[in-house]
Amino acid sequence: MTSLLTIEEKELLMKASRLMEELVETMEVSGDKELVRDIEDALTEVKEGRTRPFLELVKEIGLEGQVQA
């Protein structure tokens, strides 16, 4: 039995499908004004240096040994 699509065509189709899923997700996020505002606020905090190391947070909430970094 032969396939209608080559391996390369199947791979290209899968890539296109993933890209379309990402586009839909992006459109959903951009349509949520509160989420967009939260993302912008978070990016501002990063630019201003108001962040802390991930492992510090893990230790603070008592998840050492449970979280792999």
PDB file of N, CA and C in Angstrom:
ATOM      1  N   MET A   1       0.836  -1.178   0.000  1.00  0.00           N
ATOM      2  CA  MET A   1       0.000   0.000   0.000  1.00  0.00           C
ATOM      3  C   MET A   1       0.883   1.245   0.000  1.00  0.00           C
ATOM      4  N   THR A   2       0.613   2.170  -0.873  1.00  0.00           N
ATOM      5  CA  THR A   2       1.407   3.388  -0.972  1.00  0.00           C
ATOM      6  C   THR A   2       0.672   4.548  -0.318  1.00  0.00           C
ATOM      7  N   SER A   3       1.459   5.496   0.129  1.00  0.00           N
ATOM      8  CA  SER A   3       0.903   6.664   0.804  1.00  0.00           C
ATOM      9  C   SER A   3       0.671   7.778  -0.204  1.00  0.00           C
ATOM     10  N   LEU A   4      -0.328   8.601   0.070  1.00  0.00           N
ATOM     11  CA  LEU A   4      -0.607   9.736  -0.802  1.00  0.00           C
ATOM     12  C   LEU A   4       0.413  10.854  -0.615  1.00  0.00           C
ATOM     13  N   LEU A   5       1.033  10.910   0.566  1.00  0.00           N
ATOM     14  CA  LEU A   5       1.998  11.952   0.867  1.00  0.00           C
ATOM     15  C   LEU A   5       3.373  11.353   1.125  1.00  0.00           C
ATOM     16  N   THR A   6       4.398  12.088   0.722  1.00  0.00           N
ATOM     17  CA  THR A   6       5.762  11.658   1.024  1.00  0.00           C
ATOM     18  C   THR A   6       6.065  11.991   2.483  1.00  0.00           C
ATOM     19  N   ILE A   7       7.141  11.461   2.988  1.00  0.00           N
ATOM     20  CA  ILE A   7       7.550  11.763   4.362  1.00  0.00           C
ATOM     21  C   ILE A   7       7.777  13.266   4.520  1.00  0.00           C
ATOM     22  N   GLU A   8       8.412  13.883   3.553  1.00  0.00           N
ATOM     23  CA  GLU A   8       8.683  15.321   3.607  1.00  0.00           C
ATOM     24  C   GLU A   8       7.383  16.108   3.638  1.00  0.00           C
ATOM     25  N   GLU A   9       6.402  15.685   2.837  1.00  0.00           N
ATOM     26  CA  GLU A   9       5.113  16.381   2.809  1.00  0.00           C
ATOM     27  C   GLU A   9       4.377  16.226   4.142  1.00  0.00           C
ATOM     28  N   LYS A  10       4.476  15.042   4.741  1.00  0.00           N
ATOM     29  CA  LYS A  10       3.849  14.824   6.054  1.00  0.00           C
ATOM     30  C   LYS A  10       4.498  15.716   7.107  1.00  0.00           C
ATOM     31  N   GLU A  11       5.838  15.810   7.078  1.00  0.00           N
ATOM     32  CA  GLU A  11       6.549  16.659   8.030  1.00  0.00           C
ATOM     33  C   GLU A  11       6.166  18.122   7.849  1.00  0.00           C
ATOM     34  N   LEU A  12       6.071  18.560   6.601  1.00  0.00           N
ATOM     35  CA  LEU A  12       5.677  19.936   6.310  1.00  0.00           C
ATOM     36  C   LEU A  12       4.250  20.206   6.788  1.00  0.00           C
ATOM     37  N   LEU A  13       3.381  19.259   6.599  1.00  0.00           N
ATOM     38  CA  LEU A  13       1.996  19.386   7.047  1.00  0.00           C
ATOM     39  C   LEU A  13       1.929  19.485   8.573  1.00  0.00           C
ATOM     40  N   MET A  14       2.735  18.700   9.266  1.00  0.00           N
ATOM     41  CA  MET A  14       2.769  18.765  10.731  1.00  0.00           C
ATOM     42  C   MET A  14       3.301  20.116  11.198  1.00  0.00           C
ATOM     43  N   LYS A  15       4.339  20.632  10.547  1.00  0.00           N
ATOM     44  CA  LYS A  15       4.875  21.942  10.904  1.00  0.00           C
ATOM     45  C   LYS A  15       3.835  23.026  10.690  1.00  0.00           C
ATOM     46  N   ALA A  16       3.130  22.964   9.568  1.00  0.00           N
ATOM     47  CA  ALA A  16       2.086  23.948   9.273  1.00  0.00           C
ATOM     48  C   ALA A  16       0.974  23.875  10.317  1.00  0.00           C
ATOM     49  N   SER A  17       0.621  22.680  10.713  1.00  0.00           N
ATOM     50  CA  SER A  17      -0.420  22.493  11.729  1.00  0.00           C
ATOM     51  C   SER A  17       0.002  23.119  13.057  1.00  0.00           C
ATOM     52  N   ARG A  18       1.249  22.884  13.468  1.00  0.00           N
ATOM     53  CA  ARG A  18       1.749  23.467  14.721  1.00  0.00           C
ATOM     54  C   ARG A  18       1.769  24.993  14.649  1.00  0.00           C
ATOM     55  N   LEU A  19       2.184  25.520  13.512  1.00  0.00           N
ATOM     56  CA  LEU A  19       2.211  26.973  13.350  1.00  0.00           C
ATOM     57  C   LEU A  19       0.809  27.563  13.434  1.00  0.00           C
ATOM     58  N   MET A  20      -0.170  26.892  12.844  1.00  0.00           N
ATOM     59  CA  MET A  20      -1.552  27.366  12.915  1.00  0.00           C
ATOM     60  C   MET A  20      -2.070  27.334  14.350  1.00  0.00           C
ATOM     61  N   GLU A  21      -1.723  26.283  15.102  1.00  0.00           N
ATOM     62  CA  GLU A  21      -2.115  26.205  16.508  1.00  0.00           C
ATOM     63  C   GLU A  21      -1.511  27.363  17.294  1.00  0.00           C
ATOM     64  N   GLU A  22      -0.238  27.663  17.035  1.00  0.00           N
ATOM     65  CA  GLU A  22       0.423  28.771  17.711  1.00  0.00           C
ATOM     66  C   GLU A  22      -0.241  30.096  17.356  1.00  0.00           C
ATOM     67  N   LEU A  23      -0.620  30.254  16.102  1.00  0.00           N
ATOM     68  CA  LEU A  23      -1.285  31.480  15.659  1.00  0.00           C
ATOM     69  C   LEU A  23      -2.625  31.647  16.369  1.00  0.00           C
ATOM     70  N   VAL A  24      -3.392  30.584  16.464  1.00  0.00           N
ATOM     71  CA  VAL A  24      -4.682  30.642  17.162  1.00  0.00           C
ATOM     72  C   VAL A  24      -4.473  31.018  18.623  1.00  0.00           C
ATOM     73  N   GLU A  25      -3.474  30.410  19.280  1.00  0.00           N
ATOM     74  CA  GLU A  25      -3.182  30.740  20.672  1.00  0.00           C
ATOM     75  C   GLU A  25      -2.792  32.212  20.812  1.00  0.00           C
ATOM     76  N   THR A  26      -1.973  32.702  19.895  1.00  0.00           N
ATOM     77  CA  THR A  26      -1.553  34.102  19.922  1.00  0.00           C
ATOM     78  C   THR A  26      -2.750  35.028  19.766  1.00  0.00           C
ATOM     79  N   MET A  27      -3.647  34.677  18.872  1.00  0.00           N
ATOM     80  CA  MET A  27      -4.848  35.489  18.664  1.00  0.00           C
ATOM     81  C   MET A  27      -5.726  35.481  19.912  1.00  0.00           C
ATOM     82  N   GLU A  28      -5.832  34.334  20.571  1.00  0.00           N
ATOM     83  CA  GLU A  28      -6.625  34.239  21.788  1.00  0.00           C
ATOM     84  C   GLU A  28      -6.028  35.113  22.887  1.00  0.00           C
ATOM     85  N   VAL A  29      -4.708  35.055  23.036  1.00  0.00           N
ATOM     86  CA  VAL A  29      -4.038  35.860  24.055  1.00  0.00           C
ATOM     87  C   VAL A  29      -4.208  37.345  23.745  1.00  0.00           C
ATOM     88  N   SER A  30      -3.994  37.727  22.509  1.00  0.00           N
ATOM     89  CA  SER A  30      -4.071  39.148  22.156  1.00  0.00           C
ATOM     90  C   SER A  30      -5.487  39.689  22.308  1.00  0.00           C
ATOM     91  N   GLY A  31      -6.475  38.823  22.283  1.00  0.00           N
ATOM     92  CA  GLY A  31      -7.857  39.248  22.467  1.00  0.00           C
ATOM     93  C   GLY A  31      -8.245  39.389  23.932  1.00  0.00           C
ATOM     94  N   ASP A  32      -7.402  38.921  24.841  1.00  0.00           N
ATOM     95  CA  ASP A  32      -7.676  38.991  26.275  1.00  0.00           C
ATOM     96  C   ASP A  32      -6.918  40.194  26.841  1.00  0.00           C
ATOM     97  N   LYS A  33      -7.611  41.321  26.953  1.00  0.00           N
ATOM     98  CA  LYS A  33      -6.974  42.582  27.340  1.00  0.00           C
ATOM     99  C   LYS A  33      -6.301  42.501  28.714  1.00  0.00           C
ATOM    100  N   GLU A  34      -6.924  41.814  29.656  1.00  0.00           N
ATOM    101  CA  GLU A  34      -6.342  41.695  30.993  1.00  0.00           C
ATOM    102  C   GLU A  34      -5.046  40.890  30.946  1.00  0.00           C
ATOM    103  N   LEU A  35      -5.040  39.799  30.181  1.00  0.00           N
ATOM    104  CA  LEU A  35      -3.837  38.979  30.058  1.00  0.00           C
ATOM    105  C   LEU A  35      -2.721  39.752  29.374  1.00  0.00           C
ATOM    106  N   VAL A  36      -3.052  40.499  28.335  1.00  0.00           N
ATOM    107  CA  VAL A  36      -2.044  41.315  27.640  1.00  0.00           C
ATOM    108  C   VAL A  36      -1.447  42.334  28.608  1.00  0.00           C
ATOM    109  N   ARG A  37      -2.293  42.962  29.411  1.00  0.00           N
ATOM    110  CA  ARG A  37      -1.814  43.942  30.391  1.00  0.00           C
ATOM    111  C   ARG A  37      -0.896  43.268  31.420  1.00  0.00           C
ATOM    112  N   ASP A  38      -1.279  42.073  31.876  1.00  0.00           N
ATOM    113  CA  ASP A  38      -0.438  41.337  32.829  1.00  0.00           C
ATOM    114  C   ASP A  38       0.921  40.988  32.230  1.00  0.00           C
ATOM    115  N   ILE A  39       0.927  40.574  30.974  1.00  0.00           N
ATOM    116  CA  ILE A  39       2.186  40.240  30.299  1.00  0.00           C
ATOM    117  C   ILE A  39       3.059  41.486  30.165  1.00  0.00           C
ATOM    118  N   GLU A  40       2.443  42.600  29.771  1.00  0.00           N
ATOM    119  CA  GLU A  40       3.203  43.845  29.644  1.00  0.00           C
ATOM    120  C   GLU A  40       3.786  44.265  30.992  1.00  0.00           C
ATOM    121  N   ASP A  41       2.998  44.140  32.064  1.00  0.00           N
ATOM    122  CA  ASP A  41       3.489  44.471  33.403  1.00  0.00           C
ATOM    123  C   ASP A  41       4.673  43.583  33.782  1.00  0.00           C
ATOM    124  N   ALA A  42       4.556  42.290  33.502  1.00  0.00           N
ATOM    125  CA  ALA A  42       5.639  41.354  33.826  1.00  0.00           C
ATOM    126  C   ALA A  42       6.907  41.694  33.052  1.00  0.00           C
ATOM    127  N   LEU A  43       6.769  42.023  31.781  1.00  0.00           N
ATOM    128  CA  LEU A  43       7.942  42.396  30.982  1.00  0.00           C
ATOM    129  C   LEU A  43       8.597  43.664  31.507  1.00  0.00           C
ATOM    130  N   THR A  44       7.785  44.612  31.963  1.00  0.00           N
ATOM    131  CA  THR A  44       8.322  45.835  32.562  1.00  0.00           C
ATOM    132  C   THR A  44       9.110  45.508  33.818  1.00  0.00           C
ATOM    133  N   GLU A  45       8.569  44.612  34.652  1.00  0.00           N
ATOM    134  CA  GLU A  45       9.282  44.207  35.865  1.00  0.00           C
ATOM    135  C   GLU A  45      10.627  43.567  35.536  1.00  0.00           C
ATOM    136  N   VAL A  46      10.669  42.752  34.494  1.00  0.00           N
ATOM    137  CA  VAL A  46      11.932  42.121  34.083  1.00  0.00           C
ATOM    138  C   VAL A  46      12.920  43.188  33.630  1.00  0.00           C
ATOM    139  N   LYS A  47      12.457  44.129  32.801  1.00  0.00           N
ATOM    140  CA  LYS A  47      13.340  45.194  32.310  1.00  0.00           C
ATOM    141  C   LYS A  47      13.890  46.037  33.452  1.00  0.00           C
ATOM    142  N   GLU A  48      13.080  46.230  34.490  1.00  0.00           N
ATOM    143  CA  GLU A  48      13.491  47.046  35.634  1.00  0.00           C
ATOM    144  C   GLU A  48      14.311  46.246  36.645  1.00  0.00           C
ATOM    145  N   GLY A  49      14.501  44.962  36.367  1.00  0.00           N
ATOM    146  CA  GLY A  49      15.318  44.136  37.241  1.00  0.00           C
ATOM    147  C   GLY A  49      14.605  43.669  38.497  1.00  0.00           C
ATOM    148  N   ARG A  50      13.282  43.745  38.512  1.00  0.00           N
ATOM    149  CA  ARG A  50      12.519  43.325  39.687  1.00  0.00           C
ATOM    150  C   ARG A  50      12.164  41.840  39.576  1.00  0.00           C
ATOM    151  N   THR A  51      13.202  41.029  39.524  1.00  0.00           N
ATOM    152  CA  THR A  51      13.033  39.576  39.440  1.00  0.00           C
ATOM    153  C   THR A  51      13.955  38.923  40.459  1.00  0.00           C
ATOM    154  N   ARG A  52      13.824  37.618  40.604  1.00  0.00           N
ATOM    155  CA  ARG A  52      14.733  36.878  41.475  1.00  0.00           C
ATOM    156  C   ARG A  52      14.984  35.514  40.847  1.00  0.00           C
ATOM    157  N   PRO A  53      16.069  34.893  41.268  1.00  0.00           N
ATOM    158  CA  PRO A  53      16.412  33.594  40.676  1.00  0.00           C
ATOM    159  C   PRO A  53      15.324  32.542  40.951  1.00  0.00           C
ATOM    160  N   PHE A  54      15.101  31.701  39.976  1.00  0.00           N
ATOM    161  CA  PHE A  54      14.093  30.645  40.062  1.00  0.00           C
ATOM    162  C   PHE A  54      14.334  29.736  41.261  1.00  0.00           C
ATOM    163  N   LEU A  55      15.583  29.322  41.448  1.00  0.00           N
ATOM    164  CA  LEU A  55      15.901  28.399  42.540  1.00  0.00           C
ATOM    165  C   LEU A  55      15.636  29.026  43.906  1.00  0.00           C
ATOM    166  N   GLU A  56      15.769  30.334  44.000  1.00  0.00           N
ATOM    167  CA  GLU A  56      15.440  31.029  45.250  1.00  0.00           C
ATOM    168  C   GLU A  56      13.950  30.878  45.563  1.00  0.00           C
ATOM    169  N   LEU A  57      13.125  31.024  44.554  1.00  0.00           N
ATOM    170  CA  LEU A  57      11.677  30.850  44.720  1.00  0.00           C
ATOM    171  C   LEU A  57      11.344  29.416  45.103  1.00  0.00           C
ATOM    172  N   VAL A  58      11.969  28.466  44.428  1.00  0.00           N
ATOM    173  CA  VAL A  58      11.733  27.046  44.728  1.00  0.00           C
ATOM    174  C   VAL A  58      12.050  26.763  46.193  1.00  0.00           C
ATOM    175  N   LYS A  59      13.163  27.283  46.659  1.00  0.00           N
ATOM    176  CA  LYS A  59      13.555  27.073  48.056  1.00  0.00           C
ATOM    177  C   LYS A  59      12.553  27.735  49.003  1.00  0.00           C
ATOM    178  N   GLU A  60      12.145  28.956  48.670  1.00  0.00           N
ATOM    179  CA  GLU A  60      11.208  29.696  49.518  1.00  0.00           C
ATOM    180  C   GLU A  60       9.880  28.963  49.700  1.00  0.00           C
ATOM    181  N   ILE A  61       9.396  28.331  48.661  1.00  0.00           N
ATOM    182  CA  ILE A  61       8.098  27.642  48.760  1.00  0.00           C
ATOM    183  C   ILE A  61       8.257  26.172  49.122  1.00  0.00           C
ATOM    184  N   GLY A  62       9.488  25.765  49.429  1.00  0.00           N
ATOM    185  CA  GLY A  62       9.733  24.431  49.957  1.00  0.00           C
ATOM    186  C   GLY A  62       9.632  23.311  48.949  1.00  0.00           C
ATOM    187  N   LEU A  63      10.064  23.556  47.730  1.00  0.00           N
ATOM    188  CA  LEU A  63       9.983  22.532  46.700  1.00  0.00           C
ATOM    189  C   LEU A  63      11.353  21.997  46.275  1.00  0.00           C
ATOM    190  N   GLU A  64      12.384  22.218  47.115  1.00  0.00           N
ATOM    191  CA  GLU A  64      13.698  21.692  46.766  1.00  0.00           C
ATOM    192  C   GLU A  64      13.575  20.165  46.625  1.00  0.00           C
ATOM    193  N   GLY A  65      14.239  19.616  45.656  1.00  0.00           N
ATOM    194  CA  GLY A  65      14.202  18.185  45.418  1.00  0.00           C
ATOM    195  C   GLY A  65      12.992  17.734  44.607  1.00  0.00           C
ATOM    196  N   GLN A  66      11.997  18.592  44.488  1.00  0.00           N
ATOM    197  CA  GLN A  66      10.800  18.252  43.717  1.00  0.00           C
ATOM    198  C   GLN A  66      10.793  18.930  42.348  1.00  0.00           C
ATOM    199  N   VAL A  67      11.573  20.001  42.238  1.00  0.00           N
ATOM    200  CA  VAL A  67      11.624  20.776  40.997  1.00  0.00           C
ATOM    201  C   VAL A  67      13.013  20.648  40.417  1.00  0.00           C
ATOM    202  N   GLN A  68      13.065  20.347  39.139  1.00  0.00           N
ATOM    203  CA  GLN A  68      14.353  20.205  38.454  1.00  0.00           C
ATOM    204  C   GLN A  68      14.616  21.470  37.661  1.00  0.00           C
ATOM    205  N   ALA A  69      15.767  22.067  37.858  1.00  0.00           N
ATOM    206  CA  ALA A  69      16.099  23.296  37.152  1.00  0.00           C
ATOM    207  C   ALA A  69      17.238  23.113  36.200  1.00  0.00           C
TER     208      ALA A  69
END
